[in-house]
PDB file of N, CA and C in Angstrom:
ATOM      1  N   MET A   1     106.811  92.569  86.694  1.00  0.00           N
ATOM      2  CA  MET A   1     107.926  91.838  86.995  1.00  0.00           C
ATOM      3  C   MET A   1     108.125  91.753  88.618  1.00  0.00           C
ATOM      4  N   ILE A   2     108.489  92.902  89.073  1.00  0.00           N
ATOM      5  CA  ILE A   2     108.828  92.978  90.499  1.00  0.00           C
ATOM      6  C   ILE A   2     107.578  92.641  91.330  1.00  0.00           C
ATOM      7  N   LYS A   3     106.431  93.035  90.921  1.00  0.00           N
ATOM      8  CA  LYS A   3     105.186  92.764  91.771  1.00  0.00           C
ATOM      9  C   LYS A   3     104.985  91.202  91.816  1.00  0.00           C
ATOM     10  N   ASN A   4     105.336  90.499  90.843  1.00  0.00           N
ATOM     11  CA  ASN A   4     105.195  89.018  90.938  1.00  0.00           C
ATOM     12  C   ASN A   4     106.074  88.375  91.974  1.00  0.00           C
ATOM     13  N   GLU A   5     107.257  89.063  92.275  1.00  0.00           N
ATOM     14  CA  GLU A   5     108.151  88.475  93.224  1.00  0.00           C
ATOM     15  C   GLU A   5     108.020  88.929  94.588  1.00  0.00           C
ATOM     16  N   LEU A   6     107.091  89.846  94.849  1.00  0.00           N
ATOM     17  CA  LEU A   6     106.770  90.286  96.224  1.00  0.00           C
ATOM     18  C   LEU A   6     105.687  89.485  96.753  1.00  0.00           C
ATOM     19  N   HIS A   7     105.876  88.849  97.912  1.00  0.00           N
ATOM     20  CA  HIS A   7     104.862  87.855  98.395  1.00  0.00           C
ATOM     21  C   HIS A   7     104.442  88.300  99.874  1.00  0.00           C
ATOM     22  N   TYR A   8     104.012  89.494  99.962  1.00  0.00           N
ATOM     23  CA  TYR A   8     103.560  90.005 101.299  1.00  0.00           C
ATOM     24  C   TYR A   8     102.017  89.768 101.306  1.00  0.00           C
ATOM     25  N   GLN A   9     101.556  89.417 102.449  1.00  0.00           N
ATOM     26  CA  GLN A   9     100.132  89.102 102.716  1.00  0.00           C
ATOM     27  C   GLN A   9      99.535  90.136 103.652  1.00  0.00           C
ATOM     28  N   THR A  10      98.321  90.335 103.725  1.00  0.00           N
ATOM     29  CA  THR A  10      97.641  91.198 104.628  1.00  0.00           C
ATOM     30  C   THR A  10      97.955  90.804 106.037  1.00  0.00           C
ATOM     31  N   GLY A  11      98.342  91.784 106.772  1.00  0.00           N
ATOM     32  CA  GLY A  11      98.658  91.539 108.234  1.00  0.00           C
ATOM     33  C   GLY A  11     100.174  91.373 108.461  1.00  0.00           C
ATOM     34  N   ASP A  12     101.065  91.157 107.392  1.00  0.00           N
ATOM     35  CA  ASP A  12     102.461  90.961 107.496  1.00  0.00           C
ATOM     36  C   ASP A  12     103.021  92.331 108.033  1.00  0.00           C
ATOM     37  N   ARG A  13     103.935  92.195 108.906  1.00  0.00           N
ATOM     38  CA  ARG A  13     104.699  93.378 109.439  1.00  0.00           C
ATOM     39  C   ARG A  13     106.180  93.240 109.144  1.00  0.00           C
ATOM     40  N   VAL A  14     106.744  94.241 108.547  1.00  0.00           N
ATOM     41  CA  VAL A  14     108.118  94.227 108.089  1.00  0.00           C
ATOM     42  C   VAL A  14     108.829  95.578 108.530  1.00  0.00           C
ATOM     43  N   THR A  15     110.073  95.457 108.931  1.00  0.00           N
ATOM     44  CA  THR A  15     110.835  96.693 109.239  1.00  0.00           C
ATOM     45  C   THR A  15     111.096  97.404 107.950  1.00  0.00           C
ATOM     46  N   ASN A  16     111.208  98.703 108.121  1.00  0.00           N
ATOM     47  CA  ASN A  16     111.666  99.480 106.961  1.00  0.00           C
ATOM     48  C   ASN A  16     113.028  99.093 106.363  1.00  0.00           C
ATOM     49  N   LYS A  17     113.961  98.659 107.167  1.00  0.00           N
ATOM     50  CA  LYS A  17     115.263  98.240 106.685  1.00  0.00           C
ATOM     51  C   LYS A  17     115.087  96.994 105.824  1.00  0.00           C
ATOM     52  N   GLU A  18     114.332  95.962 106.391  1.00  0.00           N
ATOM     53  CA  GLU A  18     114.143  94.793 105.601  1.00  0.00           C
ATOM     54  C   GLU A  18     113.420  94.996 104.303  1.00  0.00           C
ATOM     55  N   LEU A  19     112.382  95.892 104.284  1.00  0.00           N
ATOM     56  CA  LEU A  19     111.669  96.169 103.037  1.00  0.00           C
ATOM     57  C   LEU A  19     112.483  96.832 102.038  1.00  0.00           C
ATOM     58  N   LYS A  20     113.319  97.816 102.407  1.00  0.00           N
ATOM     59  CA  LYS A  20     114.297  98.426 101.593  1.00  0.00           C
ATOM     60  C   LYS A  20     115.228  97.478 100.948  1.00  0.00           C
ATOM     61  N   ALA A  21     115.799  96.605 101.750  1.00  0.00           N
ATOM     62  CA  ALA A  21     116.779  95.681 101.267  1.00  0.00           C
ATOM     63  C   ALA A  21     116.097  94.719 100.208  1.00  0.00           C
ATOM     64  N   THR A  22     114.911  94.269 100.471  1.00  0.00           N
ATOM     65  CA  THR A  22     114.195  93.428  99.535  1.00  0.00           C
ATOM     66  C   THR A  22     113.958  94.184  98.246  1.00  0.00           C
ATOM     67  N   LEU A  23     113.450  95.468  98.343  1.00  0.00           N
ATOM     68  CA  LEU A  23     113.191  96.194  97.144  1.00  0.00           C
ATOM     69  C   LEU A  23     114.558  96.474  96.338  1.00  0.00           C
ATOM     70  N   GLN A  24     115.569  96.766  97.081  1.00  0.00           N
ATOM     71  CA  GLN A  24     116.831  97.148  96.456  1.00  0.00           C
ATOM     72  C   GLN A  24     117.475  95.914  95.640  1.00  0.00           C
ATOM     73  N   SER A  25     117.315  94.722  96.205  1.00  0.00           N
ATOM     74  CA  SER A  25     117.781  93.534  95.594  1.00  0.00           C
ATOM     75  C   SER A  25     116.998  93.268  94.244  1.00  0.00           C
ATOM     76  N   LEU A  26     115.707  93.583  94.294  1.00  0.00           N
ATOM     77  CA  LEU A  26     114.927  93.442  93.099  1.00  0.00           C
ATOM     78  C   LEU A  26     115.202  94.551  92.055  1.00  0.00           C
ATOM     79  N   TYR A  27     115.402  95.725  92.456  1.00  0.00           N
ATOM     80  CA  TYR A  27     115.848  96.831  91.623  1.00  0.00           C
ATOM     81  C   TYR A  27     117.192  96.513  91.007  1.00  0.00           C
ATOM     82  N   ASP A  28     118.129  95.940  91.714  1.00  0.00           N
ATOM     83  CA  ASP A  28     119.439  95.519  91.163  1.00  0.00           C
ATOM     84  C   ASP A  28     119.209  94.398  90.089  1.00  0.00           C
ATOM     85  N   LYS A  29     118.355  93.454  90.490  1.00  0.00           N
ATOM     86  CA  LYS A  29     118.126  92.317  89.585  1.00  0.00           C
ATOM     87  C   LYS A  29     117.628  92.781  88.285  1.00  0.00           C
ATOM     88  N   TYR A  30     116.715  93.732  88.280  1.00  0.00           N
ATOM     89  CA  TYR A  30     116.089  94.164  87.005  1.00  0.00           C
ATOM     90  C   TYR A  30     116.806  95.437  86.490  1.00  0.00           C
ATOM     91  N   GLN A  31     117.935  95.849  87.065  1.00  0.00           N
ATOM     92  CA  GLN A  31     118.768  96.917  86.612  1.00  0.00           C
ATOM     93  C   GLN A  31     118.002  98.216  86.588  1.00  0.00           C
ATOM     94  N   ILE A  32     117.241  98.459  87.606  1.00  0.00           N
ATOM     95  CA  ILE A  32     116.574  99.667  87.850  1.00  0.00           C
ATOM     96  C   ILE A  32     117.440 100.691  88.551  1.00  0.00           C
ATOM     97  N   LYS A  33     117.829 101.814  88.033  1.00  0.00           N
ATOM     98  CA  LYS A  33     118.774 102.693  88.528  1.00  0.00           C
ATOM     99  C   LYS A  33     118.171 103.727  89.527  1.00  0.00           C
ATOM    100  N   GLU A  34     117.610 103.129  90.618  1.00  0.00           N
ATOM    101  CA  GLU A  34     116.952 103.918  91.639  1.00  0.00           C
ATOM    102  C   GLU A  34     117.273 103.367  92.994  1.00  0.00           C
ATOM    103  N   LYS A  35     117.356 104.228  93.996  1.00  0.00           N
ATOM    104  CA  LYS A  35     117.615 103.708  95.288  1.00  0.00           C
ATOM    105  C   LYS A  35     116.153 103.426  95.940  1.00  0.00           C
ATOM    106  N   ALA A  36     116.128 102.283  96.457  1.00  0.00           N
ATOM    107  CA  ALA A  36     114.855 101.731  97.114  1.00  0.00           C
ATOM    108  C   ALA A  36     114.530 102.437  98.309  1.00  0.00           C
ATOM    109  N   LYS A  37     113.209 102.748  98.536  1.00  0.00           N
ATOM    110  CA  LYS A  37     112.746 103.358  99.651  1.00  0.00           C
ATOM    111  C   LYS A  37     111.505 102.488 100.131  1.00  0.00           C
ATOM    112  N   ALA A  38     111.266 102.532 101.386  1.00  0.00           N
ATOM    113  CA  ALA A  38     110.093 101.624 101.916  1.00  0.00           C
ATOM    114  C   ALA A  38     108.781 102.229 101.319  1.00  0.00           C
ATOM    115  N   THR A  39     108.686 103.448 100.984  1.00  0.00           N
ATOM    116  CA  THR A  39     107.459 104.034 100.451  1.00  0.00           C
ATOM    117  C   THR A  39     107.203 103.528  99.031  1.00  0.00           C
ATOM    118  N   HIS A  40     108.210 103.033  98.317  1.00  0.00           N
ATOM    119  CA  HIS A  40     108.067 102.502  96.964  1.00  0.00           C
ATOM    120  C   HIS A  40     107.124 101.340  96.872  1.00  0.00           C
ATOM    121  N   ILE A  41     106.798 100.705  97.972  1.00  0.00           N
ATOM    122  CA  ILE A  41     106.049  99.508  97.946  1.00  0.00           C
ATOM    123  C   ILE A  41     104.622  99.831  97.453  1.00  0.00           C
ATOM    124  N   ALA A  42     104.183 101.042  97.547  1.00  0.00           N
ATOM    125  CA  ALA A  42     102.935 101.475  97.048  1.00  0.00           C
ATOM    126  C   ALA A  42     102.832 101.381  95.574  1.00  0.00           C
ATOM    127  N   ASN A  43     103.977 101.657  94.886  1.00  0.00           N
ATOM    128  CA  ASN A  43     104.023 101.516  93.493  1.00  0.00           C
ATOM    129  C   ASN A  43     103.703 100.141  92.918  1.00  0.00           C
ATOM    130  N   PHE A  44     103.690  99.174  93.813  1.00  0.00           N
ATOM    131  CA  PHE A  44     103.497  97.748  93.422  1.00  0.00           C
ATOM    132  C   PHE A  44     102.124  97.281  93.875  1.00  0.00           C
ATOM    133  N   GLY A  45     101.286  98.162  94.296  1.00  0.00           N
ATOM    134  CA  GLY A  45      99.851  97.881  94.603  1.00  0.00           C
ATOM    135  C   GLY A  45      99.698  97.416  95.987  1.00  0.00           C
ATOM    136  N   TYR A  46     100.567  97.777  96.914  1.00  0.00           N
ATOM    137  CA  TYR A  46     100.316  97.439  98.329  1.00  0.00           C
ATOM    138  C   TYR A  46      99.830  98.581  99.108  1.00  0.00           C
ATOM    139  N   LEU A  47      98.906  98.438  99.957  1.00  0.00           N
ATOM    140  CA  LEU A  47      98.442  99.478 100.770  1.00  0.00           C
ATOM    141  C   LEU A  47      99.008  99.140 102.229  1.00  0.00           C
ATOM    142  N   THR A  48      99.693 100.130 102.831  1.00  0.00           N
ATOM    143  CA  THR A  48     100.434  99.900 104.057  1.00  0.00           C
ATOM    144  C   THR A  48     100.110 100.912 105.058  1.00  0.00           C
ATOM    145  N   LYS A  49     100.480 100.705 106.280  1.00  0.00           N
ATOM    146  CA  LYS A  49     100.469 101.763 107.220  1.00  0.00           C
ATOM    147  C   LYS A  49     101.688 101.612 108.242  1.00  0.00           C
ATOM    148  N   LYS A  50     102.134 102.796 108.693  1.00  0.00           N
ATOM    149  CA  LYS A  50     103.298 102.830 109.555  1.00  0.00           C
ATOM    150  C   LYS A  50     103.047 102.112 110.876  1.00  0.00           C
ATOM    151  N   CYS A  51     104.031 101.425 111.371  1.00  0.00           N
ATOM    152  CA  CYS A  51     103.898 100.787 112.662  1.00  0.00           C
ATOM    153  C   CYS A  51     105.253 100.744 113.323  1.00  0.00           C
ATOM    154  N   LYS A  52     105.319 100.273 114.636  1.00  0.00           N
ATOM    155  CA  LYS A  52     106.508 100.071 115.304  1.00  0.00           C
ATOM    156  C   LYS A  52     106.514  98.492 115.528  1.00  0.00           C
ATOM    157  N   ILE A  53     107.704  97.967 115.294  1.00  0.00           N
ATOM    158  CA  ILE A  53     107.921  96.587 115.414  1.00  0.00           C
ATOM    159  C   ILE A  53     108.951  96.277 116.579  1.00  0.00           C
ATOM    160  N   ARG A  54     108.629  95.489 117.400  1.00  0.00           N
ATOM    161  CA  ARG A  54     109.607  95.111 118.603  1.00  0.00           C
ATOM    162  C   ARG A  54     110.553  94.096 118.148  1.00  0.00           C
ATOM    163  N   ILE A  55     111.786  94.473 118.260  1.00  0.00           N
ATOM    164  CA  ILE A  55     112.896  93.530 118.021  1.00  0.00           C
ATOM    165  C   ILE A  55     113.778  93.512 119.268  1.00  0.00           C
ATOM    166  N   GLY A  56     113.698  92.437 120.022  1.00  0.00           N
ATOM    167  CA  GLY A  56     114.402  92.349 121.207  1.00  0.00           C
ATOM    168  C   GLY A  56     113.695  93.348 122.284  1.00  0.00           C
ATOM    169  N   ASP A  57     114.634  94.232 122.732  1.00  0.00           N
ATOM    170  CA  ASP A  57     114.106  95.279 123.647  1.00  0.00           C
ATOM    171  C   ASP A  57     113.979  96.584 122.977  1.00  0.00           C
ATOM    172  N   LYS A  58     114.050  96.651 121.610  1.00  0.00           N
ATOM    173  CA  LYS A  58     113.954  97.871 120.893  1.00  0.00           C
ATOM    174  C   LYS A  58     112.650  97.893 120.085  1.00  0.00           C
ATOM    175  N   ARG A  59     112.197  99.091 119.757  1.00  0.00           N
ATOM    176  CA  ARG A  59     111.096  99.271 118.780  1.00  0.00           C
ATOM    177  C   ARG A  59     111.585 100.011 117.523  1.00  0.00           C
ATOM    178  N   VAL A  60     111.394  99.433 116.451  1.00  0.00           N
ATOM    179  CA  VAL A  60     111.917 100.107 115.235  1.00  0.00           C
ATOM    180  C   VAL A  60     110.780 100.356 114.209  1.00  0.00           C
ATOM    181  N   ASP A  61     110.962 101.297 113.372  1.00  0.00           N
ATOM    182  CA  ASP A  61     109.906 101.730 112.399  1.00  0.00           C
ATOM    183  C   ASP A  61     109.797 100.583 111.307  1.00  0.00           C
ATOM    184  N   GLY A  62     108.500 100.437 110.996  1.00  0.00           N
ATOM    185  CA  GLY A  62     108.085  99.331 109.984  1.00  0.00           C
ATOM    186  C   GLY A  62     106.880  99.721 109.378  1.00  0.00           C
ATOM    187  N   VAL A  63     106.388  98.746 108.549  1.00  0.00           N
ATOM    188  CA  VAL A  63     105.064  98.920 107.907  1.00  0.00           C
ATOM    189  C   VAL A  63     104.269  97.673 108.076  1.00  0.00           C
ATOM    190  N   GLU A  64     102.907  97.796 108.123  1.00  0.00           N
ATOM    191  CA  GLU A  64     102.050  96.694 108.182  1.00  0.00           C
ATOM    192  C   GLU A  64     101.202  96.719 106.948  1.00  0.00           C
ATOM    193  N   PHE A  65     101.178  95.548 106.297  1.00  0.00           N
ATOM    194  CA  PHE A  65     100.386  95.430 105.007  1.00  0.00           C
ATOM    195  C   PHE A  65      98.934  95.414 105.219  1.00  0.00           C
ATOM    196  N   ILE A  66      98.212  96.306 104.694  1.00  0.00           N
ATOM    197  CA  ILE A  66      96.735  96.355 104.877  1.00  0.00           C
ATOM    198  C   ILE A  66      95.962  95.591 103.795  1.00  0.00           C
ATOM    199  N   SER A  67      96.417  95.855 102.498  1.00  0.00           N
ATOM    200  CA  SER A  67      95.780  95.055 101.410  1.00  0.00           C
ATOM    201  C   SER A  67      96.651  95.219 100.239  1.00  0.00           C
ATOM    202  N   GLN A  68      96.262  94.408  99.112  1.00  0.00           N
ATOM    203  CA  GLN A  68      96.934  94.435  97.882  1.00  0.00           C
ATOM    204  C   GLN A  68      95.889  94.729  96.842  1.00  0.00           C
ATOM    205  N   LYS A  69      96.234  95.685  95.945  1.00  0.00           N
ATOM    206  CA  LYS A  69      95.360  96.082  94.847  1.00  0.00           C
ATOM    207  C   LYS A  69      95.303  95.089  93.738  1.00  0.00           C
TER     208      LYS A  69
END
């Protein structure tokens, strides 16, 4: 269900905050009683690595999508 609604491609970079918000909205939609964490993306077949993403003059924690299983 959730895996079909995630549309991340290899090379995409997303902040942890954005990823958690996306996952939490899907958890709420499917009434999953769990708090979303960025590391949960691995449960849906995505391989990621940690990275820093520049937003304005700041660098924030995020993930880069390496592949999808």
